[in-house]
Amino acid sequence: MEQLTKPQQELYDYLLEKQREGGPMPSYREMMQAMGLKSTAPVQARLNLLIRKGYVGSVNGGHRNIRVYDPMTVVHVPAKYAQQVREYVELLQESETEEWEDFATA
């Protein structure tokens, strides 16, 4: 992934924190205030760059419908297997099993 500038990293960290907290993503104005800016234009520009660089994805359009890719949980898979991987991850998330075994690829 392309490196982020300091302002982009600031926005990314803020959005990642908000995503981890749950609830709706912040509005442009809330992002602007959190970063101490006087206009939403820089927020929009930074968010577009985060999307272009692959750190954030748009879900169903709109800035409140974004997904921040957590570097600790992102796994790249071929597109043809994406749905299978999503279904598997959902099964894991629904699992109430407390015992886990280590898994390593060959």
Foldseek 3Di string as FASTA:
>chain_A
DDDDDPVLVVLLVVQVVVVVVDDWGDDLVVSCVVVVHDDSVVVVVSVVVCCVVPQKDADPDDPRRIDGDDPVDDDDDPPVCVVVVVVVVVVVVPDPDPDDDDDDDD
